[in-house]
């Protein structure tokens, strides 16, 4: 599974980083970004929680 943060929508609240710090961080511009290319099984549940917990829906699943 791959996730990305839509920078045009992100408000930089940090909820995703708080829920799943192994997949998300806040960049130098104050917005969330993914720090892994692929979500591993070990963090998949937390990553999904972060996606669902984003208050503006900025985290999207990448469909290939």
PDB file of N, CA and C in Angstrom:
ATOM      1  N   UNK A   1       0.845  -1.173   0.000  1.00  0.00           N
ATOM      2  CA  UNK A   1       0.000   0.000   0.000  1.00  0.00           C
ATOM      3  C   UNK A   1       0.893   1.241   0.000  1.00  0.00           C
ATOM      4  N   UNK A   2       0.490   2.222  -0.796  1.00  0.00           N
ATOM      5  CA  UNK A   2       1.212   3.487  -0.851  1.00  0.00           C
ATOM      6  C   UNK A   2       0.247   4.616  -0.513  1.00  0.00           C
ATOM      7  N   UNK A   3       0.741   5.564   0.268  1.00  0.00           N
ATOM      8  CA  UNK A   3      -0.047   6.732   0.613  1.00  0.00           C
ATOM      9  C   UNK A   3       0.733   7.980   0.242  1.00  0.00           C
ATOM     10  N   UNK A   4       0.013   9.054  -0.046  1.00  0.00           N
ATOM     11  CA  UNK A   4       0.656  10.344  -0.290  1.00  0.00           C
ATOM     12  C   UNK A   4      -0.182  11.421   0.377  1.00  0.00           C
ATOM     13  N   UNK A   5       0.474  12.529   0.667  1.00  0.00           N
ATOM     14  CA  UNK A   5      -0.214  13.669   1.257  1.00  0.00           C
ATOM     15  C   UNK A   5      -0.413  14.717   0.173  1.00  0.00           C
ATOM     16  N   UNK A   6      -1.636  15.126  -0.015  1.00  0.00           N
ATOM     17  CA  UNK A   6      -1.944  16.189  -0.966  1.00  0.00           C
ATOM     18  C   UNK A   6      -1.564  17.513  -0.304  1.00  0.00           C
ATOM     19  N   UNK A   7      -0.448  18.087  -0.738  1.00  0.00           N
ATOM     20  CA  UNK A   7       0.071  19.313  -0.141  1.00  0.00           C
ATOM     21  C   UNK A   7      -0.861  20.505  -0.324  1.00  0.00           C
ATOM     22  N   UNK A   8      -1.724  20.466  -1.327  1.00  0.00           N
ATOM     23  CA  UNK A   8      -2.669  21.558  -1.549  1.00  0.00           C
ATOM     24  C   UNK A   8      -3.815  21.549  -0.539  1.00  0.00           C
ATOM     25  N   UNK A   9      -4.005  20.415   0.121  1.00  0.00           N
ATOM     26  CA  UNK A   9      -5.110  20.267   1.068  1.00  0.00           C
ATOM     27  C   UNK A   9      -4.608  20.274   2.514  1.00  0.00           C
ATOM     28  N   UNK A  10      -3.418  19.765   2.741  1.00  0.00           N
ATOM     29  CA  UNK A  10      -2.858  19.618   4.089  1.00  0.00           C
ATOM     30  C   UNK A  10      -2.811  20.965   4.818  1.00  0.00           C
ATOM     31  N   UNK A  11      -3.206  20.931   6.113  1.00  0.00           N
ATOM     32  CA  UNK A  11      -3.137  22.129   6.942  1.00  0.00           C
ATOM     33  C   UNK A  11      -2.009  22.045   7.972  1.00  0.00           C
ATOM     34  N   UNK A  12      -1.274  20.944   7.964  1.00  0.00           N
ATOM     35  CA  UNK A  12      -0.126  20.800   8.853  1.00  0.00           C
ATOM     36  C   UNK A  12      -0.470  20.635  10.317  1.00  0.00           C
ATOM     37  N   UNK A  13      -1.601  20.028  10.611  1.00  0.00           N
ATOM     38  CA  UNK A  13      -2.014  19.888  12.011  1.00  0.00           C
ATOM     39  C   UNK A  13      -1.171  18.867  12.781  1.00  0.00           C
ATOM     40  N   UNK A  14      -0.550  17.931  12.073  1.00  0.00           N
ATOM     41  CA  UNK A  14       0.325  16.956  12.711  1.00  0.00           C
ATOM     42  C   UNK A  14      -0.352  15.708  13.226  1.00  0.00           C
ATOM     43  N   UNK A  15      -1.649  15.558  12.977  1.00  0.00           N
ATOM     44  CA  UNK A  15      -2.364  14.376  13.462  1.00  0.00           C
ATOM     45  C   UNK A  15      -1.773  13.094  12.884  1.00  0.00           C
ATOM     46  N   UNK A  16      -1.439  13.102  11.599  1.00  0.00           N
ATOM     47  CA  UNK A  16      -0.905  11.890  10.965  1.00  0.00           C
ATOM     48  C   UNK A  16       0.438  11.491  11.590  1.00  0.00           C
ATOM     49  N   UNK A  17       1.273  12.475  11.848  1.00  0.00           N
ATOM     50  CA  UNK A  17       2.568  12.197  12.459  1.00  0.00           C
ATOM     51  C   UNK A  17       2.389  11.664  13.882  1.00  0.00           C
ATOM     52  N   UNK A  18       1.429  12.205  14.608  1.00  0.00           N
ATOM     53  CA  UNK A  18       1.171  11.738  15.968  1.00  0.00           C
ATOM     54  C   UNK A  18       0.657  10.300  15.977  1.00  0.00           C
ATOM     55  N   UNK A  19      -0.170   9.954  14.989  1.00  0.00           N
ATOM     56  CA  UNK A  19      -0.752   8.612  14.922  1.00  0.00           C
ATOM     57  C   UNK A  19       0.224   7.605  14.346  1.00  0.00           C
ATOM     58  N   UNK A  20       0.973   7.992  13.320  1.00  0.00           N
ATOM     59  CA  UNK A  20       1.868   7.054  12.634  1.00  0.00           C
ATOM     60  C   UNK A  20       3.202   7.737  12.280  1.00  0.00           C
ATOM     61  N   UNK A  21       4.056   7.952  13.277  1.00  0.00           N
ATOM     62  CA  UNK A  21       5.326   8.642  13.025  1.00  0.00           C
ATOM     63  C   UNK A  21       6.299   7.860  12.151  1.00  0.00           C
ATOM     64  N   UNK A  22       6.042   6.586  11.949  1.00  0.00           N
ATOM     65  CA  UNK A  22       6.904   5.781  11.084  1.00  0.00           C
ATOM     66  C   UNK A  22       6.580   5.969   9.606  1.00  0.00           C
ATOM     67  N   UNK A  23       5.512   6.689   9.310  1.00  0.00           N
ATOM     68  CA  UNK A  23       5.127   6.913   7.909  1.00  0.00           C
ATOM     69  C   UNK A  23       5.011   8.386   7.542  1.00  0.00           C
ATOM     70  N   UNK A  24       4.774   9.253   8.541  1.00  0.00           N
ATOM     71  CA  UNK A  24       4.532  10.666   8.252  1.00  0.00           C
ATOM     72  C   UNK A  24       5.398  11.566   9.115  1.00  0.00           C
ATOM     73  N   UNK A  25       5.745  12.727   8.548  1.00  0.00           N
ATOM     74  CA  UNK A  25       6.419  13.766   9.318  1.00  0.00           C
ATOM     75  C   UNK A  25       5.976  15.119   8.777  1.00  0.00           C
ATOM     76  N   UNK A  26       6.246  16.146   9.566  1.00  0.00           N
ATOM     77  CA  UNK A  26       5.963  17.507   9.133  1.00  0.00           C
ATOM     78  C   UNK A  26       7.247  18.053   8.526  1.00  0.00           C
ATOM     79  N   UNK A  27       7.158  18.552   7.287  1.00  0.00           N
ATOM     80  CA  UNK A  27       8.351  19.034   6.589  1.00  0.00           C
ATOM     81  C   UNK A  27       8.709  20.458   7.017  1.00  0.00           C
ATOM     82  N   UNK A  28       9.757  20.994   6.427  1.00  0.00           N
ATOM     83  CA  UNK A  28      10.240  22.332   6.773  1.00  0.00           C
ATOM     84  C   UNK A  28       9.236  23.433   6.453  1.00  0.00           C
ATOM     85  N   UNK A  29       8.285  23.142   5.569  1.00  0.00           N
ATOM     86  CA  UNK A  29       7.255  24.116   5.214  1.00  0.00           C
ATOM     87  C   UNK A  29       6.031  24.032   6.128  1.00  0.00           C
ATOM     88  N   UNK A  30       6.048  23.083   7.062  1.00  0.00           N
ATOM     89  CA  UNK A  30       4.950  22.945   8.009  1.00  0.00           C
ATOM     90  C   UNK A  30       3.820  22.052   7.563  1.00  0.00           C
ATOM     91  N   UNK A  31       4.053  21.264   6.506  1.00  0.00           N
ATOM     92  CA  UNK A  31       3.023  20.361   6.002  1.00  0.00           C
ATOM     93  C   UNK A  31       3.476  18.916   6.120  1.00  0.00           C
ATOM     94  N   UNK A  32       2.514  18.027   6.192  1.00  0.00           N
ATOM     95  CA  UNK A  32       2.825  16.598   6.321  1.00  0.00           C
ATOM     96  C   UNK A  32       3.361  16.045   5.016  1.00  0.00           C
ATOM     97  N   UNK A  33       4.190  15.045   5.151  1.00  0.00           N
ATOM     98  CA  UNK A  33       4.717  14.315   4.005  1.00  0.00           C
ATOM     99  C   UNK A  33       4.938  12.871   4.417  1.00  0.00           C
ATOM    100  N   UNK A  34       4.908  11.977   3.451  1.00  0.00           N
ATOM    101  CA  UNK A  34       5.206  10.580   3.751  1.00  0.00           C
ATOM    102  C   UNK A  34       6.714  10.394   3.755  1.00  0.00           C
ATOM    103  N   UNK A  35       7.195   9.530   4.630  1.00  0.00           N
ATOM    104  CA  UNK A  35       8.635   9.287   4.734  1.00  0.00           C
ATOM    105  C   UNK A  35       9.013   7.873   4.314  1.00  0.00           C
ATOM    106  N   UNK A  36       8.039   7.125   3.828  1.00  0.00           N
ATOM    107  CA  UNK A  36       8.290   5.776   3.314  1.00  0.00           C
ATOM    108  C   UNK A  36       7.635   5.642   1.943  1.00  0.00           C
ATOM    109  N   UNK A  37       8.238   4.846   1.080  1.00  0.00           N
ATOM    110  CA  UNK A  37       7.653   4.619  -0.243  1.00  0.00           C
ATOM    111  C   UNK A  37       6.475   3.657  -0.181  1.00  0.00           C
ATOM    112  N   UNK A  38       6.595   2.675   0.661  1.00  0.00           N
ATOM    113  CA  UNK A  38       5.578   1.622   0.768  1.00  0.00           C
ATOM    114  C   UNK A  38       5.237   1.446   2.243  1.00  0.00           C
ATOM    115  N   UNK A  39       3.950   1.360   2.555  1.00  0.00           N
ATOM    116  CA  UNK A  39       3.508   1.133   3.933  1.00  0.00           C
ATOM    117  C   UNK A  39       3.661  -0.351   4.236  1.00  0.00           C
ATOM    118  N   UNK A  40       4.494  -0.655   5.221  1.00  0.00           N
ATOM    119  CA  UNK A  40       4.729  -2.055   5.588  1.00  0.00           C
ATOM    120  C   UNK A  40       3.557  -2.587   6.411  1.00  0.00           C
ATOM    121  N   UNK A  41       3.469  -3.900   6.476  1.00  0.00           N
ATOM    122  CA  UNK A  41       2.400  -4.540   7.251  1.00  0.00           C
ATOM    123  C   UNK A  41       2.465  -4.140   8.718  1.00  0.00           C
ATOM    124  N   UNK A  42       3.672  -3.896   9.232  1.00  0.00           N
ATOM    125  CA  UNK A  42       3.850  -3.562  10.644  1.00  0.00           C
ATOM    126  C   UNK A  42       3.184  -2.236  11.012  1.00  0.00           C
ATOM    127  N   UNK A  43       3.119  -1.298  10.068  1.00  0.00           N
ATOM    128  CA  UNK A  43       2.543   0.015  10.367  1.00  0.00           C
ATOM    129  C   UNK A  43       1.259   0.297   9.594  1.00  0.00           C
ATOM    130  N   UNK A  44       0.778  -0.685   8.875  1.00  0.00           N
ATOM    131  CA  UNK A  44      -0.390  -0.479   8.013  1.00  0.00           C
ATOM    132  C   UNK A  44      -1.614  -0.010   8.794  1.00  0.00           C
ATOM    133  N   UNK A  45      -1.897  -0.623   9.922  1.00  0.00           N
ATOM    134  CA  UNK A  45      -3.075  -0.253  10.713  1.00  0.00           C
ATOM    135  C   UNK A  45      -2.969   1.198  11.192  1.00  0.00           C
ATOM    136  N   UNK A  46      -1.787   1.584  11.686  1.00  0.00           N
ATOM    137  CA  UNK A  46      -1.594   2.965  12.129  1.00  0.00           C
ATOM    138  C   UNK A  46      -1.683   3.942  10.963  1.00  0.00           C
ATOM    139  N   UNK A  47      -1.150   3.562   9.801  1.00  0.00           N
ATOM    140  CA  UNK A  47      -1.204   4.430   8.628  1.00  0.00           C
ATOM    141  C   UNK A  47      -2.646   4.650   8.174  1.00  0.00           C
ATOM    142  N   UNK A  48      -3.445   3.603   8.218  1.00  0.00           N
ATOM    143  CA  UNK A  48      -4.863   3.726   7.859  1.00  0.00           C
ATOM    144  C   UNK A  48      -5.577   4.619   8.870  1.00  0.00           C
ATOM    145  N   UNK A  49      -5.253   4.452  10.154  1.00  0.00           N
ATOM    146  CA  UNK A  49      -5.839   5.316  11.181  1.00  0.00           C
ATOM    147  C   UNK A  49      -5.472   6.779  10.932  1.00  0.00           C
ATOM    148  N   UNK A  50      -4.220   7.021  10.527  1.00  0.00           N
ATOM    149  CA  UNK A  50      -3.781   8.385  10.235  1.00  0.00           C
ATOM    150  C   UNK A  50      -4.537   8.951   9.036  1.00  0.00           C
ATOM    151  N   UNK A  51      -4.709   8.137   8.008  1.00  0.00           N
ATOM    152  CA  UNK A  51      -5.450   8.565   6.813  1.00  0.00           C
ATOM    153  C   UNK A  51      -6.883   8.930   7.186  1.00  0.00           C
ATOM    154  N   UNK A  52      -7.517   8.055   7.943  1.00  0.00           N
ATOM    155  CA  UNK A  52      -8.907   8.279   8.334  1.00  0.00           C
ATOM    156  C   UNK A  52      -9.045   9.419   9.335  1.00  0.00           C
ATOM    157  N   UNK A  53      -7.975   9.687  10.100  1.00  0.00           N
ATOM    158  CA  UNK A  53      -8.021  10.725  11.113  1.00  0.00           C
ATOM    159  C   UNK A  53      -7.639  12.105  10.616  1.00  0.00           C
ATOM    160  N   UNK A  54      -7.213  12.210   9.371  1.00  0.00           N
ATOM    161  CA  UNK A  54      -6.848  13.518   8.820  1.00  0.00           C
ATOM    162  C   UNK A  54      -8.099  14.392   8.763  1.00  0.00           C
ATOM    163  N   UNK A  55      -8.073  15.545   9.435  1.00  0.00           N
ATOM    164  CA  UNK A  55      -9.284  16.371   9.495  1.00  0.00           C
ATOM    165  C   UNK A  55      -9.705  16.990   8.159  1.00  0.00           C
ATOM    166  N   UNK A  56      -8.788  17.033   7.206  1.00  0.00           N
ATOM    167  CA  UNK A  56      -9.132  17.623   5.903  1.00  0.00           C
ATOM    168  C   UNK A  56      -9.045  16.615   4.759  1.00  0.00           C
ATOM    169  N   UNK A  57      -8.783  15.348   5.075  1.00  0.00           N
ATOM    170  CA  UNK A  57      -8.741  14.315   4.046  1.00  0.00           C
ATOM    171  C   UNK A  57      -7.582  14.460   3.071  1.00  0.00           C
ATOM    172  N   UNK A  58      -6.440  14.937   3.564  1.00  0.00           N
ATOM    173  CA  UNK A  58      -5.303  15.197   2.694  1.00  0.00           C
ATOM    174  C   UNK A  58      -4.486  13.946   2.345  1.00  0.00           C
ATOM    175  N   UNK A  59      -4.696  12.866   3.071  1.00  0.00           N
ATOM    176  CA  UNK A  59      -3.926  11.641   2.815  1.00  0.00           C
ATOM    177  C   UNK A  59      -4.710  10.752   1.859  1.00  0.00           C
ATOM    178  N   UNK A  60      -4.060  10.394   0.772  1.00  0.00           N
ATOM    179  CA  UNK A  60      -4.712   9.623  -0.277  1.00  0.00           C
ATOM    180  C   UNK A  60      -3.931   8.352  -0.559  1.00  0.00           C
ATOM    181  N   UNK A  61      -4.652   7.297  -0.886  1.00  0.00           N
ATOM    182  CA  UNK A  61      -3.996   6.057  -1.292  1.00  0.00           C
ATOM    183  C   UNK A  61      -3.610   6.171  -2.762  1.00  0.00           C
ATOM    184  N   UNK A  62      -2.399   5.753  -3.061  1.00  0.00           N
ATOM    185  CA  UNK A  62      -1.908   5.771  -4.438  1.00  0.00           C
ATOM    186  C   UNK A  62      -2.306   4.461  -5.088  1.00  0.00           C
ATOM    187  N   UNK A  63      -3.093   4.552  -6.150  1.00  0.00           N
ATOM    188  CA  UNK A  63      -3.540   3.371  -6.878  1.00  0.00           C
ATOM    189  C   UNK A  63      -2.727   3.296  -8.154  1.00  0.00           C
ATOM    190  N   UNK A  64      -2.063   2.178  -8.317  1.00  0.00           N
ATOM    191  CA  UNK A  64      -1.182   2.028  -9.494  1.00  0.00           C
ATOM    192  C   UNK A  64      -1.813   1.193 -10.557  1.00  0.00           C
TER     193      UNK A  64
END
